[in-house]
Structures are given as C-alpha cells and as structure tokens.
N, C-alpha and C. Protein backbone atom coordinates (compact mmCIF):
# COMPACT_ATOMS: atom_id res chain seq x y z
N MET A 1 0.81 -1.28 -0.03
CA MET A 1 -0.08 0.10 -0.02
C MET A 1 0.88 1.33 0.02
N ASP A 2 0.37 2.22 -0.54
CA ASP A 2 1.24 3.46 -0.73
C ASP A 2 0.64 4.88 -0.14
N GLY A 3 -0.40 4.64 0.67
CA GLY A 3 -1.20 5.80 1.26
C GLY A 3 -2.10 6.07 0.29
N THR A 4 -2.44 5.01 -0.66
CA THR A 4 -3.77 5.46 -1.46
C THR A 4 -5.06 5.16 -0.63
N PHE A 5 -5.80 6.21 -0.89
CA PHE A 5 -7.22 6.09 -0.13
C PHE A 5 -8.04 4.89 -0.88
N ILE A 6 -8.79 4.10 -0.22
CA ILE A 6 -9.41 3.15 -0.63
C ILE A 6 -11.10 3.25 -0.61
N ALA A 7 -11.59 3.46 0.47
CA ALA A 7 -13.06 3.85 0.64
C ALA A 7 -13.40 4.54 1.87
N ILE A 8 -14.51 5.12 1.85
CA ILE A 8 -15.29 5.70 3.12
C ILE A 8 -15.90 4.48 3.68
N ILE A 9 -15.76 4.19 4.86
CA ILE A 9 -16.50 3.14 5.71
C ILE A 9 -17.72 3.76 5.91
N ASN A 10 -17.94 4.96 6.62
CA ASN A 10 -19.16 5.55 6.89
C ASN A 10 -18.82 6.88 6.95
N PRO A 11 -19.53 7.73 6.14
CA PRO A 11 -19.45 9.15 6.20
C PRO A 11 -19.79 9.79 7.55
N SER A 12 -20.66 9.32 8.38
CA SER A 12 -20.91 9.94 9.66
C SER A 12 -21.58 8.96 10.66
N THR A 13 -21.24 8.91 11.93
CA THR A 13 -21.58 7.95 12.93
C THR A 13 -21.57 8.78 14.12
N PRO A 14 -22.40 8.26 15.28
CA PRO A 14 -22.28 8.79 16.45
C PRO A 14 -20.89 8.65 17.11
N ASN A 15 -20.65 9.32 17.86
CA ASN A 15 -19.12 9.19 18.58
C ASN A 15 -19.53 8.68 20.14
N ASP A 16 -19.82 7.11 19.89
CA ASP A 16 -20.19 6.45 20.95
C ASP A 16 -18.82 5.32 21.47
N GLY A 17 -17.79 5.61 20.54
CA GLY A 17 -16.69 4.56 21.18
C GLY A 17 -16.67 3.42 20.46
N ALA A 18 -17.38 3.05 19.59
CA ALA A 18 -17.48 1.71 18.77
C ALA A 18 -18.11 1.83 17.56
N PHE A 19 -17.65 1.08 16.61
CA PHE A 19 -18.30 1.02 15.17
C PHE A 19 -17.95 -0.28 14.79
N SER A 20 -18.93 -1.18 14.18
CA SER A 20 -18.55 -2.31 13.43
C SER A 20 -18.95 -2.29 12.17
N TRP A 21 -18.33 -2.95 11.25
CA TRP A 21 -18.54 -3.08 9.75
C TRP A 21 -18.08 -4.41 9.27
N GLN A 22 -18.53 -4.78 7.99
CA GLN A 22 -18.13 -5.89 7.28
C GLN A 22 -16.92 -5.43 6.46
N VAL A 23 -15.80 -5.99 6.48
CA VAL A 23 -14.71 -5.75 5.42
C VAL A 23 -15.09 -5.95 3.95
N SER A 24 -14.81 -5.29 2.98
CA SER A 24 -15.23 -5.45 1.37
C SER A 24 -14.44 -6.51 1.05
N PHE A 25 -15.20 -7.24 0.38
CA PHE A 25 -14.48 -8.34 -0.63
C PHE A 25 -13.69 -7.67 -1.63
N GLY A 26 -12.83 -8.30 -1.90
CA GLY A 26 -11.88 -7.85 -3.34
C GLY A 26 -10.60 -7.00 -2.83
N LEU A 27 -10.60 -6.57 -1.59
CA LEU A 27 -8.95 -5.86 -1.08
C LEU A 27 -8.11 -6.97 -1.06
N ILE A 28 -6.90 -6.41 -1.41
CA ILE A 28 -5.72 -7.21 -1.62
C ILE A 28 -5.07 -7.41 -0.27
N SER A 29 -4.58 -8.65 -0.09
CA SER A 29 -3.95 -8.98 1.21
C SER A 29 -2.65 -8.19 1.37
N SER A 30 -2.78 -7.53 2.58
CA SER A 30 -1.67 -6.64 2.88
C SER A 30 -1.57 -6.41 4.37
N ASP A 31 -0.49 -5.97 5.05
CA ASP A 31 -0.26 -5.56 6.51
C ASP A 31 -0.22 -4.06 6.62
N LEU A 32 -0.50 -3.43 5.60
CA LEU A 32 -0.18 -1.91 5.66
C LEU A 32 -1.48 -1.09 5.65
N TYR A 33 -2.66 -1.78 6.05
CA TYR A 33 -3.88 -1.02 6.02
C TYR A 33 -4.17 -0.19 7.38
N GLN A 34 -4.76 1.01 7.25
CA GLN A 34 -5.01 1.73 8.23
C GLN A 34 -6.37 2.38 8.14
N ILE A 35 -6.99 2.78 9.20
CA ILE A 35 -8.36 3.47 9.27
C ILE A 35 -7.85 4.88 9.85
N ARG A 36 -8.66 5.94 8.88
CA ARG A 36 -8.46 7.29 9.28
C ARG A 36 -9.85 7.68 10.02
N ILE A 37 -9.93 8.27 10.99
CA ILE A 37 -11.06 8.71 11.91
C ILE A 37 -11.18 10.25 11.75
N SER A 38 -12.04 10.89 11.12
CA SER A 38 -11.99 12.34 11.27
C SER A 38 -13.41 12.96 11.44
N ASP A 39 -13.43 14.04 11.89
CA ASP A 39 -14.57 14.80 12.25
C ASP A 39 -15.33 15.23 11.10
N ALA A 40 -16.70 14.84 10.98
CA ALA A 40 -17.42 15.04 9.91
C ALA A 40 -17.66 16.52 9.65
N GLU A 41 -17.50 17.37 10.67
CA GLU A 41 -17.72 18.80 10.51
C GLU A 41 -16.33 19.41 10.23
N TYR A 42 -15.32 18.78 10.62
CA TYR A 42 -14.03 19.58 10.30
C TYR A 42 -12.99 18.42 9.89
N PRO A 43 -13.08 17.82 8.77
CA PRO A 43 -12.40 17.07 8.08
C PRO A 43 -10.77 17.16 8.34
N GLY A 44 -10.39 18.25 8.81
CA GLY A 44 -8.87 18.41 8.82
C GLY A 44 -8.51 17.88 10.29
N THR A 45 -9.42 17.75 10.93
CA THR A 45 -9.16 16.99 12.55
C THR A 45 -9.35 15.45 12.12
N PHE A 46 -8.29 14.71 12.37
CA PHE A 46 -8.31 13.33 12.08
C PHE A 46 -7.24 12.73 12.73
N ASP A 47 -7.31 11.30 12.97
CA ASP A 47 -6.21 10.44 13.51
C ASP A 47 -6.06 9.03 12.57
N ASP A 48 -5.01 8.70 12.60
CA ASP A 48 -4.98 7.43 11.91
C ASP A 48 -4.47 6.16 12.65
N SER A 49 -5.19 5.13 12.42
CA SER A 49 -4.94 3.85 13.20
C SER A 49 -3.41 3.40 13.10
N GLU A 50 -3.23 2.26 13.97
CA GLU A 50 -1.74 1.59 13.46
C GLU A 50 -2.10 0.90 12.31
N TYR A 51 -1.19 0.28 11.93
CA TYR A 51 -1.22 -0.59 10.64
C TYR A 51 -1.76 -1.94 11.10
N PHE A 52 -2.61 -2.48 10.31
CA PHE A 52 -3.25 -3.81 10.68
C PHE A 52 -3.17 -4.63 9.32
N GLU A 53 -3.54 -5.75 9.36
CA GLU A 53 -3.50 -6.75 8.19
C GLU A 53 -5.00 -7.20 7.80
N ILE A 54 -5.14 -7.26 6.48
CA ILE A 54 -6.18 -7.86 5.89
C ILE A 54 -5.86 -8.95 4.98
N TYR A 55 -6.21 -10.16 4.91
CA TYR A 55 -5.74 -11.04 4.11
C TYR A 55 -6.99 -11.87 3.63
N SER A 56 -6.77 -12.53 2.31
CA SER A 56 -7.83 -12.92 1.56
C SER A 56 -7.76 -14.64 2.01
N LEU A 57 -8.94 -15.26 2.14
CA LEU A 57 -9.15 -16.73 2.29
C LEU A 57 -9.55 -17.22 1.05
N VAL A 58 -9.82 -16.37 -0.10
CA VAL A 58 -10.22 -16.98 -1.22
C VAL A 58 -9.02 -17.17 -2.44
N GLY A 59 -9.05 -18.14 -2.90
CA GLY A 59 -7.95 -18.34 -4.11
C GLY A 59 -7.25 -19.42 -3.86
N PRO A 60 -6.34 -20.06 -5.02
CA PRO A 60 -5.62 -21.15 -4.84
C PRO A 60 -4.50 -21.28 -3.76
N THR A 61 -3.88 -20.02 -3.53
CA THR A 61 -2.96 -20.15 -2.57
C THR A 61 -3.41 -19.75 -1.25
N SER A 62 -4.77 -19.94 -0.99
CA SER A 62 -5.27 -19.37 0.42
C SER A 62 -4.73 -20.43 1.56
N GLU A 63 -4.38 -19.83 2.63
CA GLU A 63 -4.06 -20.70 3.83
C GLU A 63 -4.56 -20.16 4.99
N ILE A 64 -5.04 -20.90 6.03
CA ILE A 64 -5.49 -20.43 7.42
C ILE A 64 -4.36 -20.21 8.07
N PRO A 65 -4.30 -19.07 8.47
CA PRO A 65 -2.75 -18.93 9.25
C PRO A 65 -2.41 -19.81 10.51
N GLY A 66 -1.52 -20.41 10.36
CA GLY A 66 -0.99 -21.30 11.60
C GLY A 66 -1.58 -22.79 11.29
N TYR A 67 -1.99 -23.12 10.18
CA TYR A 67 -2.54 -24.40 9.85
C TYR A 67 -1.95 -24.84 8.33
N SER A 68 -1.49 -26.11 8.39
CA SER A 68 -0.90 -26.62 7.06
C SER A 68 -2.01 -27.33 6.32
N PRO A 69 -2.31 -26.99 5.28
CA PRO A 69 -3.47 -27.59 4.38
C PRO A 69 -3.19 -29.15 4.18
N LEU A 70 -1.95 -29.59 4.12
CA LEU A 70 -1.62 -30.95 4.16
C LEU A 70 -1.98 -31.77 5.62
N LEU A 71 -1.68 -31.17 6.68
CA LEU A 71 -1.93 -31.60 8.11
C LEU A 71 -3.41 -31.83 8.00
N LEU A 72 -4.30 -30.80 7.64
CA LEU A 72 -5.67 -30.96 7.73
C LEU A 72 -6.15 -31.88 6.74
N LEU A 73 -5.66 -32.12 5.76
CA LEU A 73 -6.09 -33.24 4.73
C LEU A 73 -5.88 -34.65 5.68
N LEU A 74 -4.62 -34.76 6.27
CA LEU A 74 -4.21 -36.01 6.88
C LEU A 74 -5.12 -36.28 8.09
N PHE A 75 -5.38 -35.19 8.69
CA PHE A 75 -6.46 -35.28 9.85
C PHE A 75 -7.84 -35.86 9.28
N THR A 76 -8.31 -35.18 8.23
CA THR A 76 -9.57 -35.51 7.81
C THR A 76 -9.67 -37.04 7.20
N VAL A 77 -8.55 -37.33 6.56
CA VAL A 77 -8.35 -38.87 6.18
C VAL A 77 -8.18 -39.82 7.25
N GLY A 78 -7.44 -39.64 8.20
CA GLY A 78 -7.43 -40.24 9.44
C GLY A 78 -8.82 -40.45 10.20
N ILE A 79 -9.40 -39.43 10.21
CA ILE A 79 -10.84 -39.47 10.95
C ILE A 79 -11.77 -40.42 10.33
N SER A 80 -11.76 -40.33 8.78
CA SER A 80 -12.66 -41.09 7.98
C SER A 80 -12.39 -42.62 8.08
N VAL A 81 -11.08 -42.91 8.08
CA VAL A 81 -10.62 -44.19 8.32
C VAL A 81 -11.07 -44.89 9.56
N ILE A 82 -10.77 -43.94 10.53
CA ILE A 82 -11.24 -44.61 11.78
C ILE A 82 -12.84 -44.90 11.83
N LEU A 83 -13.52 -43.91 11.32
CA LEU A 83 -15.00 -43.95 11.45
C LEU A 83 -15.37 -45.19 10.35
N LEU A 84 -14.69 -45.41 9.19
CA LEU A 84 -15.18 -46.65 8.44
C LEU A 84 -14.73 -47.93 9.15
N LYS A 85 -13.80 -47.90 9.83
CA LYS A 85 -13.39 -49.23 10.57
C LYS A 85 -14.39 -49.37 11.67
N LYS A 86 -14.73 -48.64 12.43
CA LYS A 86 -15.74 -48.74 13.35
C LYS A 86 -17.17 -49.06 12.88
N LYS A 87 -17.35 -48.66 11.83
CA LYS A 87 -18.55 -48.94 10.95
C LYS A 87 -18.59 -50.45 10.56
N ALA A 88 -17.53 -50.79 9.98
CA ALA A 88 -17.15 -52.35 9.49
C ALA A 88 -17.35 -53.12 10.70
N ASN A 89 -16.71 -52.71 11.86
CA ASN A 89 -16.56 -53.52 13.05
C ASN A 89 -18.14 -53.89 13.57
N LEU A 90 -19.02 -52.73 13.36
CA LEU A 90 -20.40 -52.88 14.02
C LEU A 90 -21.16 -53.80 13.00
N LYS A 91 -20.84 -53.89 11.65
CA LYS A 91 -21.72 -54.59 10.78
C LYS A 91 -21.33 -56.24 11.11
N ILE A 92 -19.95 -56.48 11.49
CA ILE A 92 -19.34 -57.82 11.65
C ILE A 92 -19.89 -58.33 13.12
N ASN A 93 -20.02 -57.50 13.86
CA ASN A 93 -20.53 -57.86 15.32
C ASN A 93 -22.16 -58.34 15.39
N ASN A 94 -22.88 -57.59 14.21
CA ASN A 94 -24.12 -57.84 14.33
C ASN A 94 -24.80 -58.91 13.41
C-alpha cells in the first residue's frame, strides 16, 4: 500500500466509542492497512490507526494462518478411516 485512499467506511456515525462493519471483498492482502477517523464537520481534524492486516481466504494459494493444508487433509483422512473401521466392526458384530 502506498497511502492510497481505498473507501469511506461510514461518512458519519455517533461518537459512542465503537463502530462495527463488514470488510469489503476484493481488497488485496496486505499488512499496511490503516483507518482514518475524522470529524465530519471538520475533516482536517483526524487520526490514523496503527497498521493492521487484511488477508484473503479466497483463491488457490489461500491458507488459514497457523494451519498446514496437508496436515488438515491428513487429519480428515485419518478420521474417515477410523469411522469406516468402526462402521465395519459394527456390521461384523451384528
């Protein structure tokens, strides 16, 4: 990111200390996002947040941070095998 303006989240909201919103789809993954909070009446009065990260979970290279896709696949296959064996044992015993 190069200090480029992306979007207005909300042009005006009550000053109650909190505001929730959905992050827009289509933003590129980056750890250089900031939010600027400004006074609607006096736009020259503002403050910028610390940098934060937005990352995409959509696409062929998507990963859930801290998890290996291979380990998740192996775990899923392992659980499936255990369940199939238990099902087979139930059929044999009945």
